Amino acid sequence: MKYTDIIVEKKGAVAWITLNKPHVKNALGRQTFIDILAALDDFEKDSVVIVVVIKGAADTFCAGVDLKEHAKRVATGDPSLRTEFTALADRVFNSLENFPKVTIAMIKGVCMAGGFELAEVCDFIIADENCRVGDGHIRTGLVPNGGASMRMPRNIGMRKAKELLYTGDLISGKEAERIGLINKAVPADKLEPTVEEFIAKLVDKPPLALQAIKMLVNRGLGCSVEAGLQLEHQTVKVLEETEDFKESIAAFGEKRKPVYKGR
């Protein structure tokens, strides 16, 4: 498939999405979201892909929604255009958050507003220690529209989240790691190698178990411990019937590395 606003590459078990609008700091437009959804659909159907990495072209991750494009929607006076765009953005963020495969945001440069919300729905965020990360919607007199006000307090606590949301401050990757907003911050020249090393820890794990853990953690945030434990028990029963589980047991007995097939 041909993409307009992104570049897609597959390297074995890893698929890469590069936001490719460097002239506007990889701002998110309608076509960008359409491209991302199409890529995710492709990756979900590809049994080889285990990990999806999202990054930005040139020297930035993403500065948020394309404001020039958005201003044109507002100028039409047709509220349905804004509603349609918001629904499309929600589909992307929700699809990524619940995507059955592992997702990683690799950040350099600026990551703010909608760009930050895009990164936040990924399973992991690994960044250049000198990048600038934050929400920033307050700078334009708006509030988050892609979930930052909901997800950030859950990730780092209410007080720190309010500080970042109220002030619109962008913090360094190093500070973001310290407060738990991202997983890891490293020097710029170590960024891609660090992501590759982390990917290596994931691609040799049983894909169905990775998918199940993601589902359990995501659902567990919205249910009681008792309900979560029941879901765990049910999931274990399902996984015990898979070829991957049986391969794991066989490999343990034969003292060899298991070969998983995602079945």
C-alpha atoms as a PDB file:
ATOM      1  CA  MET A   1       0.000   0.000   0.000  1.00  0.00           C
ATOM      2  CA  LYS A   2       1.102   3.558  -0.713  1.00  0.00           C
ATOM      3  CA  TYR A   3       1.124   5.985   2.209  1.00  0.00           C
ATOM      4  CA  THR A   4       1.091   9.777   1.988  1.00  0.00           C
ATOM      5  CA  ASP A   5       2.101  10.984   5.462  1.00  0.00           C
ATOM      6  CA  ILE A   6       4.044   8.040   6.865  1.00  0.00           C
ATOM      7  CA  ILE A   7       6.810   5.660   5.850  1.00  0.00           C
ATOM      8  CA  VAL A   8       6.316   1.979   6.675  1.00  0.00           C
ATOM      9  CA  GLU A   9       9.102  -0.580   6.905  1.00  0.00           C
ATOM     10  CA  LYS A  10       9.074  -4.192   8.017  1.00  0.00           C
ATOM     11  CA  LYS A  11      12.250  -5.818   9.280  1.00  0.00           C
ATOM     12  CA  GLY A  12      11.499  -9.365  10.360  1.00  0.00           C
ATOM     13  CA  ALA A  13       9.302  -9.299  13.451  1.00  0.00           C
ATOM     14  CA  VAL A  14       9.473  -5.507  13.708  1.00  0.00           C
ATOM     15  CA  ALA A  15       7.395  -2.940  11.803  1.00  0.00           C
ATOM     16  CA  TRP A  16       8.377   0.727  11.773  1.00  0.00           C
ATOM     17  CA  ILE A  17       6.053   3.685  11.244  1.00  0.00           C
ATOM     18  CA  THR A  18       7.825   6.978  10.540  1.00  0.00           C
ATOM     19  CA  LEU A  19       5.705  10.128  10.718  1.00  0.00           C
ATOM     20  CA  ASN A  20       6.900  11.829   7.562  1.00  0.00           C
ATOM     21  CA  LYS A  21       5.903  15.507   7.516  1.00  0.00           C
ATOM     22  CA  PRO A  22       9.133  17.126   8.738  1.00  0.00           C
ATOM     23  CA  HIS A  23       8.218  20.501   7.178  1.00  0.00           C
ATOM     24  CA  VAL A  24       5.483  20.830   9.859  1.00  0.00           C
ATOM     25  CA  LYS A  25       7.332  18.908  12.591  1.00  0.00           C
ATOM     26  CA  ASN A  26       5.402  15.751  11.674  1.00  0.00           C
ATOM     27  CA  ALA A  27       2.095  17.323  12.695  1.00  0.00           C
ATOM     28  CA  LEU A  28      -0.909  15.020  12.624  1.00  0.00           C
ATOM     29  CA  GLY A  29      -3.462  15.625   9.892  1.00  0.00           C
ATOM     30  CA  ARG A  30      -6.476  13.720   8.664  1.00  0.00           C
ATOM     31  CA  GLN A  31      -4.443  11.764   6.117  1.00  0.00           C
ATOM     32  CA  THR A  32      -1.815  10.939   8.748  1.00  0.00           C
ATOM     33  CA  PHE A  33      -4.441   9.239  10.885  1.00  0.00           C
ATOM     34  CA  ILE A  34      -5.884   7.398   7.885  1.00  0.00           C
ATOM     35  CA  ASP A  35      -2.392   6.148   6.997  1.00  0.00           C
ATOM     36  CA  ILE A  36      -1.682   4.987  10.556  1.00  0.00           C
ATOM     37  CA  LEU A  37      -4.947   3.053  10.741  1.00  0.00           C
ATOM     38  CA  ALA A  38      -4.199   1.349   7.420  1.00  0.00           C
ATOM     39  CA  ALA A  39      -0.692   0.414   8.594  1.00  0.00           C
ATOM     40  CA  LEU A  40      -1.996  -0.992  11.872  1.00  0.00           C
ATOM     41  CA  ASP A  41      -4.544  -3.077   9.993  1.00  0.00           C
ATOM     42  CA  ASP A  42      -1.741  -4.474   7.840  1.00  0.00           C
ATOM     43  CA  PHE A  43       0.482  -5.230  10.853  1.00  0.00           C
ATOM     44  CA  GLU A  44      -2.332  -6.938  12.760  1.00  0.00           C
ATOM     45  CA  LYS A  45      -2.894  -9.340   9.866  1.00  0.00           C
ATOM     46  CA  ASP A  46       0.831 -10.054   9.487  1.00  0.00           C
ATOM     47  CA  SER A  47       1.645 -13.035  11.705  1.00  0.00           C
ATOM     48  CA  VAL A  48       5.376 -12.279  11.509  1.00  0.00           C
ATOM     49  CA  VAL A  49       5.103  -8.833  13.100  1.00  0.00           C
ATOM     50  CA  ILE A  50       5.434  -8.814  16.891  1.00  0.00           C
ATOM     51  CA  VAL A  51       6.577  -5.252  17.630  1.00  0.00           C
ATOM     52  CA  VAL A  52       5.555  -1.916  16.082  1.00  0.00           C
ATOM     53  CA  VAL A  53       7.784   1.156  16.556  1.00  0.00           C
ATOM     54  CA  ILE A  54       6.588   4.703  15.863  1.00  0.00           C
ATOM     55  CA  LYS A  55       9.102   7.495  15.301  1.00  0.00           C
ATOM     56  CA  GLY A  56       9.310  10.859  13.560  1.00  0.00           C
ATOM     57  CA  ALA A  57      11.245  11.893  10.486  1.00  0.00           C
ATOM     58  CA  ALA A  58      14.169  14.330  10.739  1.00  0.00           C
ATOM     59  CA  ASP A  59      14.810  15.851  14.148  1.00  0.00           C
ATOM     60  CA  THR A  60      11.413  15.682  15.844  1.00  0.00           C
ATOM     61  CA  PHE A  61       8.750  13.186  16.878  1.00  0.00           C
ATOM     62  CA  CYS A  62       5.523  15.147  16.522  1.00  0.00           C
ATOM     63  CA  ALA A  63       4.434  18.674  17.458  1.00  0.00           C
ATOM     64  CA  GLY A  64       0.733  17.760  17.647  1.00  0.00           C
ATOM     65  CA  VAL A  65      -2.217  18.240  15.351  1.00  0.00           C
ATOM     66  CA  ASP A  66      -1.623  20.165  12.129  1.00  0.00           C
ATOM     67  CA  LEU A  67      -3.030  23.537  13.228  1.00  0.00           C
ATOM     68  CA  LYS A  68      -3.180  25.026   9.727  1.00  0.00           C
ATOM     69  CA  GLU A  69      -5.292  22.140   8.553  1.00  0.00           C
ATOM     70  CA  HIS A  70      -7.434  22.359  11.685  1.00  0.00           C
ATOM     71  CA  ALA A  71      -7.943  26.109  11.218  1.00  0.00           C
ATOM     72  CA  LYS A  72      -9.394  25.412   7.778  1.00  0.00           C
ATOM     73  CA  ARG A  73     -11.906  22.990   9.303  1.00  0.00           C
ATOM     74  CA  VAL A  74     -12.933  25.556  11.885  1.00  0.00           C
ATOM     75  CA  ALA A  75     -13.172  28.310   9.234  1.00  0.00           C
ATOM     76  CA  THR A  76     -15.780  26.367   7.263  1.00  0.00           C
ATOM     77  CA  GLY A  77     -18.215  26.737  10.133  1.00  0.00           C
ATOM     78  CA  ASP A  78     -19.221  23.106   9.624  1.00  0.00           C
ATOM     79  CA  PRO A  79     -18.986  21.372  13.027  1.00  0.00           C
ATOM     80  CA  SER A  80     -19.299  17.939  11.406  1.00  0.00           C
ATOM     81  CA  LEU A  81     -15.767  18.299   9.999  1.00  0.00           C
ATOM     82  CA  ARG A  82     -14.311  18.760  13.476  1.00  0.00           C
ATOM     83  CA  THR A  83     -16.441  15.931  14.846  1.00  0.00           C
ATOM     84  CA  GLU A  84     -15.285  13.601  12.075  1.00  0.00           C
ATOM     85  CA  PHE A  85     -11.637  14.484  12.674  1.00  0.00           C
ATOM     86  CA  THR A  86     -11.931  13.928  16.428  1.00  0.00           C
ATOM     87  CA  ALA A  87     -13.591  10.561  15.860  1.00  0.00           C
ATOM     88  CA  LEU A  88     -10.806   9.583  13.462  1.00  0.00           C
ATOM     89  CA  ALA A  89      -8.135  10.610  15.979  1.00  0.00           C
ATOM     90  CA  ASP A  90      -9.918   8.642  18.711  1.00  0.00           C
ATOM     91  CA  ARG A  91      -9.900   5.571  16.491  1.00  0.00           C
ATOM     92  CA  VAL A  92      -6.123   5.854  16.097  1.00  0.00           C
ATOM     93  CA  PHE A  93      -5.400   6.413  19.791  1.00  0.00           C
ATOM     94  CA  ASN A  94      -7.781   3.659  20.927  1.00  0.00           C
ATOM     95  CA  SER A  95      -6.545   1.255  18.264  1.00  0.00           C
ATOM     96  CA  LEU A  96      -2.955   1.796  19.338  1.00  0.00           C
ATOM     97  CA  GLU A  97      -3.739   1.494  23.033  1.00  0.00           C
ATOM     98  CA  ASN A  98      -5.490  -1.833  22.479  1.00  0.00           C
ATOM     99  CA  PHE A  99      -3.394  -3.045  19.556  1.00  0.00           C
ATOM    100  CA  PRO A 100      -2.736  -6.776  20.049  1.00  0.00           C
ATOM    101  CA  LYS A 101       0.981  -6.417  19.386  1.00  0.00           C
ATOM    102  CA  VAL A 102       3.690  -4.561  21.297  1.00  0.00           C
ATOM    103  CA  THR A 103       4.027  -0.857  20.486  1.00  0.00           C
ATOM    104  CA  ILE A 104       6.984   1.439  21.170  1.00  0.00           C
ATOM    105  CA  ALA A 105       7.299   5.200  20.662  1.00  0.00           C
ATOM    106  CA  MET A 106      10.870   6.301  19.907  1.00  0.00           C
ATOM    107  CA  ILE A 107      11.154  10.006  20.647  1.00  0.00           C
ATOM    108  CA  LYS A 108      13.632  12.671  19.680  1.00  0.00           C
ATOM    109  CA  GLY A 109      13.145  16.409  19.374  1.00  0.00           C
ATOM    110  CA  VAL A 110       9.695  17.705  20.304  1.00  0.00           C
ATOM    111  CA  CYS A 111       6.816  15.479  21.421  1.00  0.00           C
ATOM    112  CA  MET A 112       3.788  17.477  22.516  1.00  0.00           C
ATOM    113  CA  ALA A 113       0.000  17.814  22.383  1.00  0.00           C
ATOM    114  CA  GLY A 114      -1.422  15.245  19.949  1.00  0.00           C
ATOM    115  CA  GLY A 115       2.079  13.895  19.393  1.00  0.00           C
ATOM    116  CA  PHE A 116       2.422  13.241  23.105  1.00  0.00           C
ATOM    117  CA  GLU A 117      -1.021  11.620  23.173  1.00  0.00           C
ATOM    118  CA  LEU A 118       0.074   9.367  20.305  1.00  0.00           C
ATOM    119  CA  ALA A 119       3.188   8.311  22.218  1.00  0.00           C
ATOM    120  CA  GLU A 120       1.283   7.880  25.477  1.00  0.00           C
ATOM    121  CA  VAL A 121      -0.986   5.164  24.082  1.00  0.00           C
ATOM    122  CA  CYS A 122       2.025   3.071  23.085  1.00  0.00           C
ATOM    123  CA  ASP A 123       3.124   0.319  25.470  1.00  0.00           C
ATOM    124  CA  PHE A 124       6.601   1.791  25.882  1.00  0.00           C
ATOM    125  CA  ILE A 125       8.310   5.136  25.305  1.00  0.00           C
ATOM    126  CA  ILE A 126      12.068   5.357  24.814  1.00  0.00           C
ATOM    127  CA  ALA A 127      13.514   8.802  24.210  1.00  0.00           C
ATOM    128  CA  ASP A 128      16.534  10.986  23.667  1.00  0.00           C
ATOM    129  CA  GLU A 129      17.365  12.390  27.106  1.00  0.00           C
ATOM    130  CA  ASN A 130      17.370  15.922  25.669  1.00  0.00           C
ATOM    131  CA  CYS A 131      14.043  15.724  23.838  1.00  0.00           C
ATOM    132  CA  ARG A 132      11.146  17.936  24.956  1.00  0.00           C
ATOM    133  CA  VAL A 133       8.010  16.113  26.105  1.00  0.00           C
ATOM    134  CA  GLY A 134       4.670  17.342  27.404  1.00  0.00           C
ATOM    135  CA  ASP A 135       1.062  18.148  26.632  1.00  0.00           C
ATOM    136  CA  GLY A 136       1.033  21.862  25.788  1.00  0.00           C
ATOM    137  CA  HIS A 137      -2.622  22.204  24.753  1.00  0.00           C
ATOM    138  CA  ILE A 138      -3.034  25.047  27.257  1.00  0.00           C
ATOM    139  CA  ARG A 139      -0.671  27.143  25.117  1.00  0.00           C
ATOM    140  CA  THR A 140      -3.371  27.430  22.453  1.00  0.00           C
ATOM    141  CA  GLY A 141      -6.242  27.917  24.884  1.00  0.00           C
ATOM    142  CA  LEU A 142      -7.417  24.336  24.479  1.00  0.00           C
ATOM    143  CA  VAL A 143      -7.560  21.186  26.557  1.00  0.00           C
ATOM    144  CA  PRO A 144      -6.375  17.714  25.543  1.00  0.00           C
ATOM    145  CA  ASN A 145      -8.607  16.070  22.967  1.00  0.00           C
ATOM    146  CA  GLY A 146      -6.857  12.711  22.634  1.00  0.00           C
ATOM    147  CA  GLY A 147      -6.829  11.497  26.204  1.00  0.00           C
ATOM    148  CA  ALA A 148      -3.870  13.199  27.925  1.00  0.00           C
ATOM    149  CA  SER A 149      -6.041  14.473  30.790  1.00  0.00           C
ATOM    150  CA  MET A 150      -7.253  10.907  31.359  1.00  0.00           C
ATOM    151  CA  ARG A 151      -4.082   8.896  30.820  1.00  0.00           C
ATOM    152  CA  MET A 152      -1.392  11.164  32.275  1.00  0.00           C
ATOM    153  CA  PRO A 153      -2.813  11.155  35.839  1.00  0.00           C
ATOM    154  CA  ARG A 154      -3.043   7.362  35.683  1.00  0.00           C
ATOM    155  CA  ASN A 155       0.577   7.136  34.552  1.00  0.00           C
ATOM    156  CA  ILE A 156       2.303   9.638  36.836  1.00  0.00           C
ATOM    157  CA  GLY A 157      -0.257  10.663  39.469  1.00  0.00           C
ATOM    158  CA  MET A 158      -2.725  13.513  39.687  1.00  0.00           C
ATOM    159  CA  ARG A 159      -0.505  16.279  41.104  1.00  0.00           C
ATOM    160  CA  LYS A 160       2.355  16.002  38.629  1.00  0.00           C
ATOM    161  CA  ALA A 161      -0.103  15.551  35.768  1.00  0.00           C
ATOM    162  CA  LYS A 162      -1.951  18.726  36.758  1.00  0.00           C
ATOM    163  CA  GLU A 163       1.352  20.607  36.867  1.00  0.00           C
ATOM    164  CA  LEU A 164       2.222  19.611  33.312  1.00  0.00           C
ATOM    165  CA  LEU A 165      -1.300  20.106  31.977  1.00  0.00           C
ATOM    166  CA  TYR A 166      -1.874  23.490  33.660  1.00  0.00           C
ATOM    167  CA  THR A 167       1.516  24.999  32.748  1.00  0.00           C
ATOM    168  CA  GLY A 168       1.988  23.446  29.326  1.00  0.00           C
ATOM    169  CA  ASP A 169       5.638  22.917  30.246  1.00  0.00           C
ATOM    170  CA  LEU A 170       7.746  20.622  28.122  1.00  0.00           C
ATOM    171  CA  ILE A 171      10.250  18.603  30.140  1.00  0.00           C
ATOM    172  CA  SER A 172      13.405  16.800  29.095  1.00  0.00           C
ATOM    173  CA  GLY A 173      13.484  13.111  28.348  1.00  0.00           C
ATOM    174  CA  LYS A 174      15.641  12.659  31.440  1.00  0.00           C
ATOM    175  CA  GLU A 175      13.044  14.366  33.671  1.00  0.00           C
ATOM    176  CA  ALA A 176      10.226  12.456  31.958  1.00  0.00           C
ATOM    177  CA  GLU A 177      11.970   9.202  32.830  1.00  0.00           C
ATOM    178  CA  ARG A 178      12.450  10.321  36.441  1.00  0.00           C
ATOM    179  CA  ILE A 179       8.728  10.915  36.978  1.00  0.00           C
ATOM    180  CA  GLY A 180       7.643   7.796  35.105  1.00  0.00           C
ATOM    181  CA  LEU A 181       6.196   9.529  32.054  1.00  0.00           C
ATOM    182  CA  ILE A 182       8.465   7.491  29.784  1.00  0.00           C
ATOM    183  CA  ASN A 183      10.327   4.221  30.228  1.00  0.00           C
ATOM    184  CA  LYS A 184      13.876   5.202  29.371  1.00  0.00           C
ATOM    185  CA  ALA A 185      15.897   8.248  28.321  1.00  0.00           C
ATOM    186  CA  VAL A 186      19.337   7.868  26.753  1.00  0.00           C
ATOM    187  CA  PRO A 187      21.848  10.029  24.849  1.00  0.00           C
ATOM    188  CA  ALA A 188      20.805  10.722  21.261  1.00  0.00           C
ATOM    189  CA  ASP A 189      23.472   8.478  19.756  1.00  0.00           C
ATOM    190  CA  LYS A 190      22.279   5.598  21.936  1.00  0.00           C
ATOM    191  CA  LEU A 191      18.579   5.965  21.138  1.00  0.00           C
ATOM    192  CA  GLU A 192      18.160   3.571  18.235  1.00  0.00           C
ATOM    193  CA  PRO A 193      20.556   0.943  19.651  1.00  0.00           C
ATOM    194  CA  THR A 194      18.640   1.066  22.946  1.00  0.00           C
ATOM    195  CA  VAL A 195      15.346   0.543  21.129  1.00  0.00           C
ATOM    196  CA  GLU A 196      16.860  -2.349  19.171  1.00  0.00           C
ATOM    197  CA  GLU A 197      18.148  -3.949  22.389  1.00  0.00           C
ATOM    198  CA  PHE A 198      14.725  -3.636  23.979  1.00  0.00           C
ATOM    199  CA  ILE A 199      13.042  -5.106  20.907  1.00  0.00           C
ATOM    200  CA  ALA A 200      15.399  -8.096  21.119  1.00  0.00           C
ATOM    201  CA  LYS A 201      14.013  -8.836  24.582  1.00  0.00           C
ATOM    202  CA  LEU A 202      10.479  -8.951  23.191  1.00  0.00           C
ATOM    203  CA  VAL A 203      10.628 -10.735  19.846  1.00  0.00           C
ATOM    204  CA  ASP A 204      11.719 -14.058  21.336  1.00  0.00           C
ATOM    205  CA  LYS A 205       8.766 -14.119  23.744  1.00  0.00           C
ATOM    206  CA  PRO A 206       5.551 -16.039  22.907  1.00  0.00           C
ATOM    207  CA  PRO A 207       3.394 -13.567  20.944  1.00  0.00           C
ATOM    208  CA  LEU A 208       0.082 -14.804  22.334  1.00  0.00           C
ATOM    209  CA  ALA A 209       1.311 -14.372  25.902  1.00  0.00           C
ATOM    210  CA  LEU A 210       2.505 -10.832  25.133  1.00  0.00           C
ATOM    211  CA  GLN A 211      -0.903 -10.052  23.665  1.00  0.00           C
ATOM    212  CA  ALA A 212      -2.648 -11.538  26.703  1.00  0.00           C
ATOM    213  CA  ILE A 213      -0.541  -9.572  29.200  1.00  0.00           C
ATOM    214  CA  LYS A 214      -1.344  -6.338  27.382  1.00  0.00           C
ATOM    215  CA  MET A 215      -5.047  -7.151  27.497  1.00  0.00           C
ATOM    216  CA  LEU A 216      -4.913  -8.008  31.215  1.00  0.00           C
ATOM    217  CA  VAL A 217      -3.072  -4.828  32.186  1.00  0.00           C
ATOM    218  CA  ASN A 218      -5.320  -2.582  30.091  1.00  0.00           C
ATOM    219  CA  ARG A 219      -8.552  -4.146  31.340  1.00  0.00           C
ATOM    220  CA  GLY A 220      -7.273  -4.412  34.881  1.00  0.00           C
ATOM    221  CA  LEU A 221      -7.122  -0.625  35.194  1.00  0.00           C
ATOM    222  CA  GLY A 222     -10.888  -0.488  34.839  1.00  0.00           C
ATOM    223  CA  CYS A 223     -12.033  -3.395  36.989  1.00  0.00           C
ATOM    224  CA  SER A 224     -11.795  -4.685  40.541  1.00  0.00           C
ATOM    225  CA  VAL A 225      -8.926  -6.911  41.655  1.00  0.00           C
ATOM    226  CA  GLU A 226     -11.360  -9.794  42.003  1.00  0.00           C
ATOM    227  CA  ALA A 227     -12.631  -9.391  38.436  1.00  0.00           C
ATOM    228  CA  GLY A 228      -9.059  -9.018  37.200  1.00  0.00           C
ATOM    229  CA  LEU A 229      -8.002 -12.244  38.914  1.00  0.00           C
ATOM    230  CA  GLN A 230     -10.878 -14.107  37.277  1.00  0.00           C
ATOM    231  CA  LEU A 231      -9.780 -12.745  33.905  1.00  0.00           C
ATOM    232  CA  GLU A 232      -6.220 -13.914  34.637  1.00  0.00           C
ATOM    233  CA  HIS A 233      -7.437 -17.436  35.449  1.00  0.00           C
ATOM    234  CA  GLN A 234      -9.513 -17.591  32.267  1.00  0.00           C
ATOM    235  CA  THR A 235      -6.579 -16.358  30.192  1.00  0.00           C
ATOM    236  CA  VAL A 236      -4.212 -18.969  31.642  1.00  0.00           C
ATOM    237  CA  LYS A 237      -6.663 -21.719  30.679  1.00  0.00           C
ATOM    238  CA  VAL A 238      -6.748 -20.454  27.101  1.00  0.00           C
ATOM    239  CA  LEU A 239      -2.956 -20.125  26.823  1.00  0.00           C
ATOM    240  CA  GLU A 240      -2.398 -23.632  28.214  1.00  0.00           C
ATOM    241  CA  GLU A 241      -4.114 -24.983  25.102  1.00  0.00           C
ATOM    242  CA  THR A 242      -1.824 -23.181  22.654  1.00  0.00           C
ATOM    243  CA  GLU A 243       1.007 -24.663  20.634  1.00  0.00           C
ATOM    244  CA  ASP A 244       3.350 -22.025  22.038  1.00  0.00           C
ATOM    245  CA  PHE A 245       2.757 -23.150  25.628  1.00  0.00           C
ATOM    246  CA  LYS A 246       3.346 -26.778  24.703  1.00  0.00           C
ATOM    247  CA  GLU A 247       6.506 -25.771  22.824  1.00  0.00           C
ATOM    248  CA  SER A 248       7.711 -23.877  25.894  1.00  0.00           C
ATOM    249  CA  ILE A 249       7.272 -26.930  28.113  1.00  0.00           C
ATOM    250  CA  ALA A 250       8.955 -29.190  25.545  1.00  0.00           C
ATOM    251  CA  ALA A 251      11.888 -26.808  25.128  1.00  0.00           C
ATOM    252  CA  PHE A 252      12.350 -26.606  28.905  1.00  0.00           C
ATOM    253  CA  GLY A 253      12.514 -30.390  29.154  1.00  0.00           C
ATOM    254  CA  GLU A 254      14.888 -30.653  26.220  1.00  0.00           C
ATOM    255  CA  LYS A 255      17.061 -27.772  27.490  1.00  0.00           C
ATOM    256  CA  ARG A 256      16.788 -25.750  24.284  1.00  0.00           C
ATOM    257  CA  LYS A 257      15.465 -22.371  23.231  1.00  0.00           C
ATOM    258  CA  PRO A 258      11.765 -22.493  22.329  1.00  0.00           C
ATOM    259  CA  VAL A 259      10.567 -21.556  18.848  1.00  0.00           C
ATOM    260  CA  TYR A 260       7.237 -19.763  19.071  1.00  0.00           C
ATOM    261  CA  LYS A 261       4.726 -19.551  16.210  1.00  0.00           C
ATOM    262  CA  GLY A 262       1.981 -17.429  17.721  1.00  0.00           C
ATOM    263  CA  ARG A 263      -0.439 -20.328  17.743  1.00  0.00           C
END
